[in-house]
Amino acid sequence: MNRIPIPFRSATRSDLPFVAWCNYEATSPYPGFSYWDPLLDGFHTDTHEFIQTVLAHDALAWGRVEDFVVGELDNQPVCGASGFVMAPEDYRPLRLDRLAVVAQTLGWSTEQLALFEERYRQVWSDPHDPTLKPTGEWTIECVAVQADYRHRGLGKQLLEAVIDLGRAQGYRTAGIAVTLGNEGAHALYRSVGFDPYLTYWPAYFHGQYPGTQKFIKTL
């Protein structure tokens, strides 16, 4: 593996398209599909546009734009991830109190907003869903590396940068999760010191989801 040293920085609003891409990649178990897609079925709303709008209005609960760490090469972002503290009142990925302004920006009707909320609650009905419960004080999400730069050590450096950020803020543990079957992510997380903490197998989701493994690391 050819390791490329890379500088990291906090994301700014100008990074919105790239940060949205990171979220899309992290919610795509296979190319061309995102977990957001079924919620948007029939809306004529592009998934990337939806994610950008959510981020623009601070409606993503799993990291604001400014919570993302971005790695750059040749002045272009090539990898990113969010590091944040999970809200104790709701572990789910969206801030529903900001969804109305997202819908307004996207030009949704009142009926579309209601339908989206209904679909969202069908997937994530419990604000304290145990499968989403943070395993550490510092949560890492939306880890993504552009395809042309994978297998060069950037993912490990990215995670180390986000871990260092949490450590510098005084957090004692970090948590991260991966969809079962994603062996590359599993190996990456172990390489920076994460240990398996808890596994939810497909049967827990009645076979409708591949399952989730959660990890923890002492900072």
N, C-alpha and C. Protein backbone atom coordinates (compact mmCIF):
# COMPACT_ATOMS: atom_id res chain seq x y z
N MET A 1 0.85 -1.20 0.00
CA MET A 1 0.00 0.00 0.00
C MET A 1 0.87 1.24 0.00
N ASN A 2 0.62 2.16 -0.89
CA ASN A 2 1.35 3.42 -0.99
C ASN A 2 0.70 4.46 -0.08
N ARG A 3 1.22 4.69 1.10
CA ARG A 3 0.62 5.64 2.04
C ARG A 3 0.92 7.07 1.60
N ILE A 4 -0.11 7.89 1.51
CA ILE A 4 0.04 9.28 1.09
C ILE A 4 -0.21 10.17 2.31
N PRO A 5 0.82 10.91 2.78
CA PRO A 5 0.55 11.87 3.87
C PRO A 5 -0.42 12.94 3.37
N ILE A 6 -1.36 13.30 4.21
CA ILE A 6 -2.42 14.22 3.76
C ILE A 6 -2.78 15.19 4.88
N PRO A 7 -2.97 16.47 4.54
CA PRO A 7 -3.40 17.44 5.56
C PRO A 7 -4.91 17.36 5.78
N PHE A 8 -5.33 17.65 7.01
CA PHE A 8 -6.75 17.65 7.35
C PHE A 8 -7.15 19.00 7.92
N ARG A 9 -8.43 19.33 7.75
CA ARG A 9 -8.98 20.59 8.27
C ARG A 9 -10.46 20.40 8.57
N SER A 10 -11.02 21.32 9.33
CA SER A 10 -12.46 21.32 9.57
C SER A 10 -13.19 21.79 8.32
N ALA A 11 -14.31 21.19 8.03
CA ALA A 11 -15.10 21.58 6.86
C ALA A 11 -15.74 22.94 7.08
N THR A 12 -16.00 23.64 5.98
CA THR A 12 -16.72 24.91 6.00
C THR A 12 -17.94 24.78 5.09
N ARG A 13 -18.77 25.79 5.07
CA ARG A 13 -19.97 25.74 4.23
C ARG A 13 -19.64 25.59 2.75
N SER A 14 -18.46 26.00 2.34
CA SER A 14 -18.08 25.83 0.94
C SER A 14 -17.86 24.36 0.59
N ASP A 15 -17.71 23.51 1.61
CA ASP A 15 -17.52 22.08 1.41
C ASP A 15 -18.85 21.32 1.37
N LEU A 16 -19.95 22.04 1.38
CA LEU A 16 -21.26 21.40 1.49
C LEU A 16 -21.47 20.26 0.48
N PRO A 17 -21.17 20.45 -0.82
CA PRO A 17 -21.38 19.33 -1.76
C PRO A 17 -20.55 18.09 -1.41
N PHE A 18 -19.30 18.30 -0.97
CA PHE A 18 -18.45 17.16 -0.65
C PHE A 18 -18.93 16.47 0.63
N VAL A 19 -19.31 17.25 1.63
CA VAL A 19 -19.81 16.68 2.87
C VAL A 19 -21.09 15.87 2.61
N ALA A 20 -21.95 16.40 1.72
CA ALA A 20 -23.15 15.66 1.34
C ALA A 20 -22.78 14.35 0.66
N TRP A 21 -21.74 14.39 -0.17
CA TRP A 21 -21.27 13.16 -0.82
C TRP A 21 -20.80 12.14 0.22
N CYS A 22 -20.10 12.61 1.25
CA CYS A 22 -19.66 11.70 2.32
C CYS A 22 -20.85 11.00 2.96
N ASN A 23 -21.91 11.77 3.24
CA ASN A 23 -23.10 11.16 3.83
C ASN A 23 -23.73 10.16 2.87
N TYR A 24 -23.78 10.52 1.59
CA TYR A 24 -24.36 9.60 0.59
C TYR A 24 -23.57 8.30 0.54
N GLU A 25 -22.24 8.41 0.49
CA GLU A 25 -21.40 7.21 0.45
C GLU A 25 -21.60 6.35 1.69
N ALA A 26 -21.71 7.00 2.85
CA ALA A 26 -21.86 6.26 4.10
C ALA A 26 -23.22 5.59 4.23
N THR A 27 -24.20 6.07 3.47
CA THR A 27 -25.54 5.48 3.53
C THR A 27 -25.81 4.62 2.31
N SER A 28 -24.76 4.23 1.58
CA SER A 28 -24.91 3.41 0.38
C SER A 28 -24.25 2.06 0.58
N PRO A 29 -25.03 1.03 0.88
CA PRO A 29 -24.43 -0.30 1.06
C PRO A 29 -23.90 -0.89 -0.24
N TYR A 30 -24.39 -0.39 -1.36
CA TYR A 30 -23.87 -0.79 -2.66
C TYR A 30 -24.07 0.36 -3.63
N PRO A 31 -23.28 0.42 -4.72
CA PRO A 31 -23.33 1.57 -5.63
C PRO A 31 -24.72 1.84 -6.19
N GLY A 32 -25.06 3.13 -6.24
CA GLY A 32 -26.33 3.52 -6.84
C GLY A 32 -27.52 3.47 -5.93
N PHE A 33 -27.31 3.11 -4.66
CA PHE A 33 -28.42 3.06 -3.71
C PHE A 33 -28.00 3.68 -2.39
N SER A 34 -28.86 4.52 -1.83
CA SER A 34 -28.67 5.11 -0.52
C SER A 34 -29.88 4.79 0.34
N TYR A 35 -29.66 4.66 1.64
CA TYR A 35 -30.80 4.40 2.54
C TYR A 35 -31.83 5.53 2.51
N TRP A 36 -31.44 6.71 2.00
CA TRP A 36 -32.40 7.81 1.86
C TRP A 36 -33.34 7.57 0.68
N ASP A 37 -32.92 6.80 -0.31
CA ASP A 37 -33.68 6.68 -1.55
C ASP A 37 -35.13 6.23 -1.35
N PRO A 38 -35.41 5.18 -0.56
CA PRO A 38 -36.82 4.76 -0.40
C PRO A 38 -37.70 5.83 0.24
N LEU A 39 -37.11 6.68 1.10
CA LEU A 39 -37.88 7.73 1.73
C LEU A 39 -38.27 8.81 0.74
N LEU A 40 -37.49 8.93 -0.35
CA LEU A 40 -37.72 9.97 -1.36
C LEU A 40 -38.43 9.42 -2.59
N ASP A 41 -38.81 8.16 -2.57
CA ASP A 41 -39.45 7.54 -3.74
C ASP A 41 -40.71 8.31 -4.14
N GLY A 42 -40.76 8.74 -5.41
CA GLY A 42 -41.92 9.47 -5.91
C GLY A 42 -41.89 10.95 -5.67
N PHE A 43 -40.86 11.47 -5.01
CA PHE A 43 -40.79 12.89 -4.68
C PHE A 43 -40.18 13.73 -5.79
N HIS A 44 -39.50 13.09 -6.74
CA HIS A 44 -38.77 13.81 -7.80
C HIS A 44 -37.73 14.74 -7.18
N THR A 45 -37.15 14.28 -6.07
CA THR A 45 -36.08 15.01 -5.40
C THR A 45 -34.81 14.19 -5.46
N ASP A 46 -33.76 14.74 -6.04
CA ASP A 46 -32.48 14.04 -6.11
C ASP A 46 -31.93 13.82 -4.70
N THR A 47 -31.41 12.63 -4.45
CA THR A 47 -30.93 12.31 -3.11
C THR A 47 -29.80 13.22 -2.68
N HIS A 48 -28.88 13.53 -3.58
CA HIS A 48 -27.77 14.43 -3.24
C HIS A 48 -28.31 15.83 -2.89
N GLU A 49 -29.30 16.29 -3.64
CA GLU A 49 -29.90 17.59 -3.34
C GLU A 49 -30.56 17.57 -1.97
N PHE A 50 -31.25 16.47 -1.66
CA PHE A 50 -31.88 16.33 -0.35
C PHE A 50 -30.84 16.42 0.77
N ILE A 51 -29.76 15.66 0.63
CA ILE A 51 -28.74 15.65 1.68
C ILE A 51 -28.09 17.02 1.83
N GLN A 52 -27.81 17.68 0.71
CA GLN A 52 -27.23 19.03 0.79
C GLN A 52 -28.17 19.99 1.50
N THR A 53 -29.45 19.89 1.22
CA THR A 53 -30.42 20.78 1.85
C THR A 53 -30.52 20.50 3.34
N VAL A 54 -30.52 19.23 3.69
CA VAL A 54 -30.53 18.85 5.10
C VAL A 54 -29.32 19.44 5.82
N LEU A 55 -28.15 19.31 5.23
CA LEU A 55 -26.94 19.84 5.85
C LEU A 55 -26.95 21.37 5.89
N ALA A 56 -27.47 22.00 4.85
CA ALA A 56 -27.51 23.47 4.79
C ALA A 56 -28.35 24.05 5.92
N HIS A 57 -29.36 23.29 6.36
CA HIS A 57 -30.25 23.77 7.42
C HIS A 57 -29.96 23.09 8.77
N ASP A 58 -28.77 22.52 8.91
CA ASP A 58 -28.36 21.87 10.16
C ASP A 58 -29.40 20.86 10.62
N ALA A 59 -29.98 20.12 9.68
CA ALA A 59 -31.02 19.15 10.02
C ALA A 59 -30.48 17.72 10.14
N LEU A 60 -29.17 17.52 9.86
CA LEU A 60 -28.58 16.20 10.05
C LEU A 60 -28.10 16.10 11.49
N ALA A 61 -28.63 15.14 12.22
CA ALA A 61 -28.26 14.99 13.63
C ALA A 61 -26.90 14.32 13.79
N TRP A 62 -26.40 13.71 12.72
CA TRP A 62 -25.14 12.98 12.80
C TRP A 62 -23.98 13.80 12.26
N GLY A 63 -23.97 15.07 12.62
CA GLY A 63 -22.86 15.94 12.26
C GLY A 63 -23.26 17.09 11.38
N ARG A 64 -23.09 18.32 11.87
CA ARG A 64 -23.25 19.51 11.04
C ARG A 64 -22.07 19.59 10.06
N VAL A 65 -22.17 20.47 9.10
CA VAL A 65 -21.06 20.63 8.16
C VAL A 65 -19.76 20.89 8.92
N GLU A 66 -19.83 21.75 9.92
CA GLU A 66 -18.63 22.13 10.67
C GLU A 66 -18.09 20.99 11.55
N ASP A 67 -18.86 19.93 11.72
CA ASP A 67 -18.40 18.78 12.50
C ASP A 67 -17.60 17.79 11.65
N PHE A 68 -17.50 18.05 10.37
CA PHE A 68 -16.76 17.16 9.47
C PHE A 68 -15.29 17.54 9.41
N VAL A 69 -14.47 16.52 9.31
CA VAL A 69 -13.04 16.69 9.04
C VAL A 69 -12.81 16.27 7.60
N VAL A 70 -12.09 17.10 6.84
CA VAL A 70 -11.86 16.87 5.42
C VAL A 70 -10.36 16.75 5.16
N GLY A 71 -10.01 15.74 4.36
CA GLY A 71 -8.63 15.59 3.92
C GLY A 71 -8.50 16.05 2.48
N GLU A 72 -7.43 16.79 2.17
CA GLU A 72 -7.26 17.37 0.84
C GLU A 72 -5.96 16.91 0.19
N LEU A 73 -6.04 16.75 -1.13
CA LEU A 73 -4.85 16.56 -1.97
C LEU A 73 -5.01 17.46 -3.18
N ASP A 74 -3.95 18.18 -3.52
CA ASP A 74 -4.00 19.12 -4.64
C ASP A 74 -5.17 20.10 -4.51
N ASN A 75 -5.40 20.56 -3.27
CA ASN A 75 -6.45 21.53 -2.96
C ASN A 75 -7.86 21.02 -3.25
N GLN A 76 -8.02 19.70 -3.31
CA GLN A 76 -9.32 19.11 -3.53
C GLN A 76 -9.63 18.12 -2.39
N PRO A 77 -10.86 18.17 -1.84
CA PRO A 77 -11.21 17.21 -0.78
C PRO A 77 -11.31 15.80 -1.35
N VAL A 78 -10.69 14.84 -0.67
CA VAL A 78 -10.71 13.46 -1.15
C VAL A 78 -11.25 12.48 -0.11
N CYS A 79 -11.37 12.92 1.14
CA CYS A 79 -11.93 12.05 2.17
C CYS A 79 -12.51 12.91 3.28
N GLY A 80 -13.47 12.35 4.01
CA GLY A 80 -14.09 13.11 5.08
C GLY A 80 -14.87 12.22 6.03
N ALA A 81 -15.14 12.74 7.21
CA ALA A 81 -15.94 12.04 8.22
C ALA A 81 -16.39 13.06 9.26
N SER A 82 -17.47 12.74 9.96
CA SER A 82 -17.94 13.63 11.02
C SER A 82 -17.60 13.07 12.39
N GLY A 83 -17.31 13.98 13.32
CA GLY A 83 -17.09 13.63 14.72
C GLY A 83 -17.96 14.55 15.56
N PHE A 84 -18.80 13.98 16.42
CA PHE A 84 -19.78 14.79 17.14
C PHE A 84 -20.25 14.05 18.39
N VAL A 85 -21.07 14.73 19.17
CA VAL A 85 -21.69 14.13 20.35
C VAL A 85 -23.16 13.89 20.04
N MET A 86 -23.59 12.66 20.20
CA MET A 86 -24.97 12.30 19.89
C MET A 86 -25.93 12.98 20.87
N ALA A 87 -27.02 13.55 20.34
CA ALA A 87 -28.03 14.18 21.20
C ALA A 87 -28.71 13.12 22.05
N PRO A 88 -28.76 13.28 23.36
CA PRO A 88 -29.31 12.23 24.22
C PRO A 88 -30.81 12.04 24.06
N GLU A 89 -31.51 13.03 23.52
CA GLU A 89 -32.96 12.92 23.41
C GLU A 89 -33.40 12.18 22.14
N ASP A 90 -32.50 12.03 21.16
CA ASP A 90 -32.90 11.40 19.91
C ASP A 90 -31.66 10.92 19.16
N TYR A 91 -31.52 9.60 19.00
CA TYR A 91 -30.34 9.04 18.34
C TYR A 91 -30.51 8.97 16.82
N ARG A 92 -31.68 9.28 16.31
CA ARG A 92 -31.96 9.09 14.89
C ARG A 92 -31.22 10.13 14.02
N PRO A 93 -31.11 9.88 12.69
CA PRO A 93 -30.20 10.70 11.87
C PRO A 93 -30.66 12.11 11.53
N LEU A 94 -31.96 12.42 11.68
CA LEU A 94 -32.44 13.75 11.32
C LEU A 94 -32.96 14.51 12.53
N ARG A 95 -32.86 15.84 12.45
CA ARG A 95 -33.49 16.71 13.44
C ARG A 95 -34.86 17.09 12.88
N LEU A 96 -35.90 16.45 13.39
CA LEU A 96 -37.23 16.62 12.81
C LEU A 96 -37.77 18.04 13.00
N ASP A 97 -37.26 18.77 13.99
CA ASP A 97 -37.72 20.14 14.19
C ASP A 97 -37.27 21.06 13.06
N ARG A 98 -36.31 20.60 12.22
CA ARG A 98 -35.83 21.41 11.11
C ARG A 98 -36.30 20.88 9.76
N LEU A 99 -37.14 19.84 9.80
CA LEU A 99 -37.55 19.22 8.54
C LEU A 99 -38.48 20.11 7.72
N ALA A 100 -39.29 20.93 8.38
CA ALA A 100 -40.22 21.80 7.64
C ALA A 100 -39.48 22.78 6.74
N VAL A 101 -38.38 23.34 7.23
CA VAL A 101 -37.63 24.30 6.41
C VAL A 101 -36.91 23.58 5.27
N VAL A 102 -36.50 22.33 5.52
CA VAL A 102 -35.91 21.52 4.45
C VAL A 102 -36.95 21.29 3.35
N ALA A 103 -38.17 20.91 3.77
CA ALA A 103 -39.25 20.67 2.81
C ALA A 103 -39.58 21.94 2.03
N GLN A 104 -39.61 23.07 2.70
CA GLN A 104 -39.92 24.34 2.04
C GLN A 104 -38.85 24.66 0.98
N THR A 105 -37.59 24.47 1.33
CA THR A 105 -36.51 24.74 0.40
C THR A 105 -36.58 23.84 -0.83
N LEU A 106 -36.98 22.60 -0.62
CA LEU A 106 -37.07 21.63 -1.71
C LEU A 106 -38.37 21.77 -2.51
N GLY A 107 -39.27 22.63 -2.05
CA GLY A 107 -40.53 22.84 -2.75
C GLY A 107 -41.54 21.73 -2.54
N TRP A 108 -41.43 21.02 -1.42
CA TRP A 108 -42.39 19.95 -1.13
C TRP A 108 -43.72 20.53 -0.68
N SER A 109 -44.78 19.81 -0.97
CA SER A 109 -46.09 20.18 -0.46
C SER A 109 -46.24 19.71 0.98
N THR A 110 -47.28 20.17 1.63
CA THR A 110 -47.57 19.72 3.00
C THR A 110 -47.76 18.22 3.04
N GLU A 111 -48.39 17.69 1.98
CA GLU A 111 -48.63 16.25 1.92
C GLU A 111 -47.32 15.47 1.77
N GLN A 112 -46.40 16.01 0.98
CA GLN A 112 -45.11 15.35 0.81
C GLN A 112 -44.32 15.34 2.13
N LEU A 113 -44.35 16.45 2.83
CA LEU A 113 -43.67 16.51 4.12
C LEU A 113 -44.25 15.47 5.07
N ALA A 114 -45.56 15.36 5.12
CA ALA A 114 -46.21 14.40 6.00
C ALA A 114 -45.84 12.97 5.61
N LEU A 115 -45.77 12.71 4.29
CA LEU A 115 -45.43 11.37 3.82
C LEU A 115 -43.99 11.03 4.17
N PHE A 116 -43.09 11.99 3.99
CA PHE A 116 -41.68 11.74 4.33
C PHE A 116 -41.56 11.42 5.81
N GLU A 117 -42.22 12.22 6.65
CA GLU A 117 -42.14 11.98 8.10
C GLU A 117 -42.70 10.62 8.45
N GLU A 118 -43.78 10.22 7.78
CA GLU A 118 -44.37 8.91 8.05
C GLU A 118 -43.39 7.79 7.68
N ARG A 119 -42.76 7.91 6.52
CA ARG A 119 -41.78 6.90 6.10
C ARG A 119 -40.59 6.88 7.04
N TYR A 120 -40.13 8.06 7.44
CA TYR A 120 -38.99 8.15 8.35
C TYR A 120 -39.29 7.44 9.67
N ARG A 121 -40.47 7.68 10.22
CA ARG A 121 -40.84 7.07 11.50
C ARG A 121 -41.08 5.57 11.36
N GLN A 122 -41.43 5.11 10.17
CA GLN A 122 -41.56 3.67 9.96
C GLN A 122 -40.19 2.98 10.04
N VAL A 123 -39.17 3.68 9.54
CA VAL A 123 -37.81 3.12 9.59
C VAL A 123 -37.19 3.31 10.97
N TRP A 124 -37.32 4.51 11.50
CA TRP A 124 -36.74 4.84 12.81
C TRP A 124 -37.86 5.31 13.73
N SER A 125 -38.57 4.38 14.32
CA SER A 125 -39.74 4.74 15.13
C SER A 125 -39.36 5.19 16.54
N ASP A 126 -38.27 4.64 17.07
CA ASP A 126 -37.90 4.88 18.46
C ASP A 126 -36.76 5.89 18.52
N PRO A 127 -36.96 7.06 19.14
CA PRO A 127 -35.86 8.03 19.27
C PRO A 127 -34.64 7.45 20.00
N HIS A 128 -34.88 6.43 20.82
CA HIS A 128 -33.79 5.78 21.54
C HIS A 128 -33.57 4.36 21.05
N ASP A 129 -33.67 4.19 19.74
CA ASP A 129 -33.42 2.90 19.10
C ASP A 129 -32.07 2.37 19.58
N PRO A 130 -32.04 1.19 20.21
CA PRO A 130 -30.76 0.69 20.75
C PRO A 130 -29.70 0.45 19.69
N THR A 131 -30.12 0.19 18.44
CA THR A 131 -29.12 -0.03 17.39
C THR A 131 -28.40 1.26 17.01
N LEU A 132 -28.97 2.40 17.38
CA LEU A 132 -28.37 3.70 17.08
C LEU A 132 -27.68 4.32 18.30
N LYS A 133 -27.86 3.71 19.45
CA LYS A 133 -27.30 4.27 20.69
C LYS A 133 -25.79 4.39 20.57
N PRO A 134 -25.23 5.54 20.93
CA PRO A 134 -23.78 5.71 20.82
C PRO A 134 -23.03 4.78 21.76
N THR A 135 -21.92 4.24 21.28
CA THR A 135 -21.09 3.38 22.12
C THR A 135 -19.99 4.16 22.82
N GLY A 136 -19.77 5.39 22.41
CA GLY A 136 -18.76 6.22 23.05
C GLY A 136 -19.27 7.64 23.21
N GLU A 137 -18.55 8.43 23.98
CA GLU A 137 -18.93 9.83 24.16
C GLU A 137 -18.79 10.61 22.84
N TRP A 138 -17.79 10.23 22.06
CA TRP A 138 -17.49 10.88 20.78
C TRP A 138 -17.90 9.91 19.67
N THR A 139 -18.81 10.34 18.81
CA THR A 139 -19.32 9.47 17.76
C THR A 139 -18.72 9.86 16.42
N ILE A 140 -18.33 8.86 15.64
CA ILE A 140 -17.78 9.08 14.31
C ILE A 140 -18.74 8.48 13.29
N GLU A 141 -19.07 9.27 12.27
CA GLU A 141 -20.01 8.83 11.23
C GLU A 141 -19.55 9.34 9.87
N CYS A 142 -20.25 8.89 8.84
CA CYS A 142 -20.10 9.41 7.46
C CYS A 142 -18.66 9.31 6.96
N VAL A 143 -17.98 8.22 7.26
CA VAL A 143 -16.60 8.03 6.82
C VAL A 143 -16.59 7.68 5.33
N ALA A 144 -15.87 8.45 4.53
CA ALA A 144 -15.86 8.22 3.09
C ALA A 144 -14.53 8.67 2.48
N VAL A 145 -14.04 7.86 1.53
CA VAL A 145 -12.83 8.16 0.77
C VAL A 145 -13.16 8.00 -0.71
N GLN A 146 -12.78 8.97 -1.53
CA GLN A 146 -13.04 8.88 -2.96
C GLN A 146 -12.37 7.63 -3.54
N ALA A 147 -13.06 7.02 -4.50
CA ALA A 147 -12.64 5.72 -5.03
C ALA A 147 -11.19 5.72 -5.53
N ASP A 148 -10.77 6.79 -6.20
CA ASP A 148 -9.43 6.82 -6.77
C ASP A 148 -8.33 6.89 -5.71
N TYR A 149 -8.71 7.14 -4.45
CA TYR A 149 -7.71 7.32 -3.40
C TYR A 149 -7.81 6.25 -2.32
N ARG A 150 -8.57 5.21 -2.57
CA ARG A 150 -8.69 4.14 -1.59
C ARG A 150 -7.47 3.22 -1.63
N HIS A 151 -7.28 2.50 -0.51
CA HIS A 151 -6.17 1.54 -0.38
C HIS A 151 -4.81 2.24 -0.40
N ARG A 152 -4.81 3.50 0.06
CA ARG A 152 -3.55 4.25 0.15
C ARG A 152 -3.32 4.79 1.56
N GLY A 153 -4.09 4.32 2.51
CA GLY A 153 -3.90 4.73 3.89
C GLY A 153 -4.63 5.98 4.29
N LEU A 154 -5.45 6.55 3.40
CA LEU A 154 -6.15 7.80 3.73
C LEU A 154 -7.24 7.57 4.76
N GLY A 155 -7.94 6.44 4.67
CA GLY A 155 -9.00 6.18 5.63
C GLY A 155 -8.47 6.11 7.05
N LYS A 156 -7.33 5.47 7.23
CA LYS A 156 -6.73 5.36 8.56
C LYS A 156 -6.31 6.74 9.07
N GLN A 157 -5.68 7.53 8.21
CA GLN A 157 -5.27 8.87 8.63
C GLN A 157 -6.49 9.74 8.96
N LEU A 158 -7.55 9.58 8.18
CA LEU A 158 -8.78 10.34 8.44
C LEU A 158 -9.35 10.00 9.80
N LEU A 159 -9.47 8.71 10.09
CA LEU A 159 -10.01 8.31 11.40
C LEU A 159 -9.12 8.80 12.53
N GLU A 160 -7.82 8.71 12.36
CA GLU A 160 -6.91 9.20 13.39
C GLU A 160 -7.10 10.69 13.64
N ALA A 161 -7.36 11.46 12.57
CA ALA A 161 -7.59 12.90 12.71
C ALA A 161 -8.87 13.17 13.48
N VAL A 162 -9.94 12.42 13.19
CA VAL A 162 -11.21 12.63 13.89
C VAL A 162 -11.09 12.17 15.34
N ILE A 163 -10.39 11.08 15.57
CA ILE A 163 -10.15 10.59 16.94
C ILE A 163 -9.37 11.64 17.74
N ASP A 164 -8.32 12.20 17.13
CA ASP A 164 -7.51 13.22 17.81
C ASP A 164 -8.37 14.43 18.18
N LEU A 165 -9.32 14.78 17.31
CA LEU A 165 -10.19 15.92 17.59
C LEU A 165 -11.05 15.64 18.82
N GLY A 166 -11.60 14.44 18.91
CA GLY A 166 -12.40 14.09 20.09
C GLY A 166 -11.56 14.04 21.35
N ARG A 167 -10.35 13.51 21.24
CA ARG A 167 -9.45 13.44 22.39
C ARG A 167 -9.09 14.84 22.87
N ALA A 168 -8.83 15.76 21.94
CA ALA A 168 -8.46 17.13 22.29
C ALA A 168 -9.59 17.85 23.01
N GLN A 169 -10.84 17.42 22.77
CA GLN A 169 -11.98 18.04 23.43
C GLN A 169 -12.32 17.37 24.76
N GLY A 170 -11.51 16.40 25.15
CA GLY A 170 -11.66 15.80 26.47
C GLY A 170 -12.56 14.58 26.55
N TYR A 171 -12.97 14.04 25.42
CA TYR A 171 -13.82 12.85 25.46
C TYR A 171 -12.96 11.61 25.72
N ARG A 172 -13.54 10.68 26.45
CA ARG A 172 -12.77 9.51 26.91
C ARG A 172 -12.93 8.29 26.03
N THR A 173 -14.03 8.22 25.28
CA THR A 173 -14.28 7.07 24.42
C THR A 173 -14.86 7.54 23.09
N ALA A 174 -14.62 6.76 22.06
CA ALA A 174 -15.20 7.03 20.74
C ALA A 174 -15.95 5.79 20.27
N GLY A 175 -17.03 6.02 19.54
CA GLY A 175 -17.82 4.92 19.01
C GLY A 175 -18.02 5.06 17.52
N ILE A 176 -18.15 3.93 16.84
CA ILE A 176 -18.38 3.90 15.40
C ILE A 176 -19.13 2.61 15.08
N ALA A 177 -19.83 2.58 13.97
CA ALA A 177 -20.61 1.40 13.60
C ALA A 177 -20.42 1.10 12.13
N VAL A 178 -20.67 -0.16 11.75
CA VAL A 178 -20.52 -0.58 10.36
C VAL A 178 -21.60 -1.59 10.03
N THR A 179 -22.09 -1.53 8.79
CA THR A 179 -23.03 -2.53 8.31
C THR A 179 -22.32 -3.87 8.18
N LEU A 180 -22.94 -4.92 8.65
CA LEU A 180 -22.33 -6.23 8.54
C LEU A 180 -22.07 -6.58 7.08
N GLY A 181 -20.92 -7.17 6.84
CA GLY A 181 -20.52 -7.51 5.47
C GLY A 181 -19.52 -6.54 4.89
N ASN A 182 -19.38 -5.37 5.50
CA ASN A 182 -18.41 -4.37 5.03
C ASN A 182 -17.06 -4.68 5.67
N GLU A 183 -16.37 -5.67 5.13
CA GLU A 183 -15.14 -6.14 5.75
C GLU A 183 -14.03 -5.10 5.68
N GLY A 184 -14.04 -4.26 4.64
CA GLY A 184 -13.03 -3.23 4.53
C GLY A 184 -13.10 -2.24 5.69
N ALA A 185 -14.32 -1.79 6.00
CA ALA A 185 -14.51 -0.86 7.11
C ALA A 185 -14.16 -1.54 8.44
N HIS A 186 -14.55 -2.80 8.58
CA HIS A 186 -14.24 -3.55 9.81
C HIS A 186 -12.73 -3.57 10.04
N ALA A 187 -11.96 -3.89 9.01
CA ALA A 187 -10.51 -3.94 9.14
C ALA A 187 -9.93 -2.56 9.43
N LEU A 188 -10.50 -1.53 8.79
CA LEU A 188 -10.02 -0.17 9.00
C LEU A 188 -10.22 0.25 10.46
N TYR A 189 -11.39 -0.01 11.00
CA TYR A 189 -11.67 0.41 12.37
C TYR A 189 -10.77 -0.32 13.37
N ARG A 190 -10.55 -1.61 13.12
CA ARG A 190 -9.65 -2.35 14.00
C ARG A 190 -8.22 -1.81 13.91
N SER A 191 -7.83 -1.32 12.74
CA SER A 191 -6.46 -0.86 12.55
C SER A 191 -6.13 0.39 13.35
N VAL A 192 -7.16 1.16 13.75
CA VAL A 192 -6.92 2.36 14.55
C VAL A 192 -7.31 2.14 16.02
N GLY A 193 -7.54 0.89 16.39
CA GLY A 193 -7.73 0.58 17.80
C GLY A 193 -9.16 0.41 18.27
N PHE A 194 -10.13 0.39 17.36
CA PHE A 194 -11.51 0.13 17.77
C PHE A 194 -11.69 -1.36 18.04
N ASP A 195 -12.44 -1.67 19.08
CA ASP A 195 -12.76 -3.06 19.42
C ASP A 195 -14.25 -3.30 19.23
N PRO A 196 -14.63 -4.49 18.73
CA PRO A 196 -16.06 -4.82 18.61
C PRO A 196 -16.74 -4.71 19.97
N TYR A 197 -17.89 -4.09 19.98
CA TYR A 197 -18.62 -3.83 21.23
C TYR A 197 -19.94 -4.59 21.28
N LEU A 198 -20.68 -4.57 20.16
CA LEU A 198 -22.01 -5.16 20.15
C LEU A 198 -22.41 -5.41 18.70
N THR A 199 -23.09 -6.54 18.44
CA THR A 199 -23.53 -6.86 17.09
C THR A 199 -25.04 -7.09 17.06
N TYR A 200 -25.70 -6.47 16.10
CA TYR A 200 -27.12 -6.73 15.83
C TYR A 200 -27.17 -7.51 14.52
N TRP A 201 -27.55 -8.76 14.61
CA TRP A 201 -27.55 -9.64 13.46
C TRP A 201 -28.81 -9.40 12.60
N PRO A 202 -28.81 -9.89 11.35
CA PRO A 202 -29.97 -9.66 10.47
C PRO A 202 -31.30 -10.07 11.08
N ALA A 203 -31.30 -11.11 11.92
CA ALA A 203 -32.56 -11.58 12.52
C ALA A 203 -33.19 -10.52 13.41
N TYR A 204 -32.35 -9.65 13.99
CA TYR A 204 -32.88 -8.58 14.84
C TYR A 204 -33.76 -7.65 14.02
N PHE A 205 -33.41 -7.50 12.74
CA PHE A 205 -34.16 -6.62 11.84
C PHE A 205 -35.15 -7.41 10.98
N HIS A 206 -35.43 -8.65 11.41
CA HIS A 206 -36.37 -9.51 10.68
C HIS A 206 -35.95 -9.71 9.23
N GLY A 207 -34.64 -9.73 9.01
CA GLY A 207 -34.10 -9.98 7.69
C GLY A 207 -34.21 -8.82 6.72
N GLN A 208 -34.67 -7.66 7.19
CA GLN A 208 -34.86 -6.50 6.30
C GLN A 208 -33.62 -5.61 6.23
N TYR A 209 -32.58 -5.95 6.99
CA TYR A 209 -31.36 -5.16 7.03
C TYR A 209 -30.21 -6.12 7.31
N PRO A 210 -29.02 -5.90 6.71
CA PRO A 210 -27.92 -6.85 6.86
C PRO A 210 -27.38 -6.98 8.28
N GLY A 211 -27.68 -6.03 9.14
CA GLY A 211 -27.16 -6.06 10.50
C GLY A 211 -26.11 -4.99 10.73
N THR A 212 -25.77 -4.75 11.98
CA THR A 212 -24.85 -3.68 12.36
C THR A 212 -23.89 -4.18 13.42
N GLN A 213 -22.61 -3.84 13.27
CA GLN A 213 -21.65 -4.09 14.33
C GLN A 213 -21.15 -2.74 14.85
N LYS A 214 -21.15 -2.61 16.18
CA LYS A 214 -20.73 -1.37 16.81
C LYS A 214 -19.37 -1.57 17.48
N PHE A 215 -18.57 -0.52 17.43
CA PHE A 215 -17.20 -0.57 17.96
C PHE A 215 -17.00 0.54 18.98
N ILE A 216 -15.98 0.35 19.83
CA ILE A 216 -15.62 1.36 20.82
C ILE A 216 -14.10 1.45 20.93
N LYS A 217 -13.64 2.64 21.28
CA LYS A 217 -12.20 2.86 21.46
C LYS A 217 -11.99 3.81 22.63
N THR A 218 -11.04 3.49 23.49
CA THR A 218 -10.66 4.39 24.58
C THR A 218 -9.69 5.44 24.03
N LEU A 219 -9.98 6.71 24.31
CA LEU A 219 -9.15 7.81 23.78
C LEU A 219 -8.05 8.19 24.78
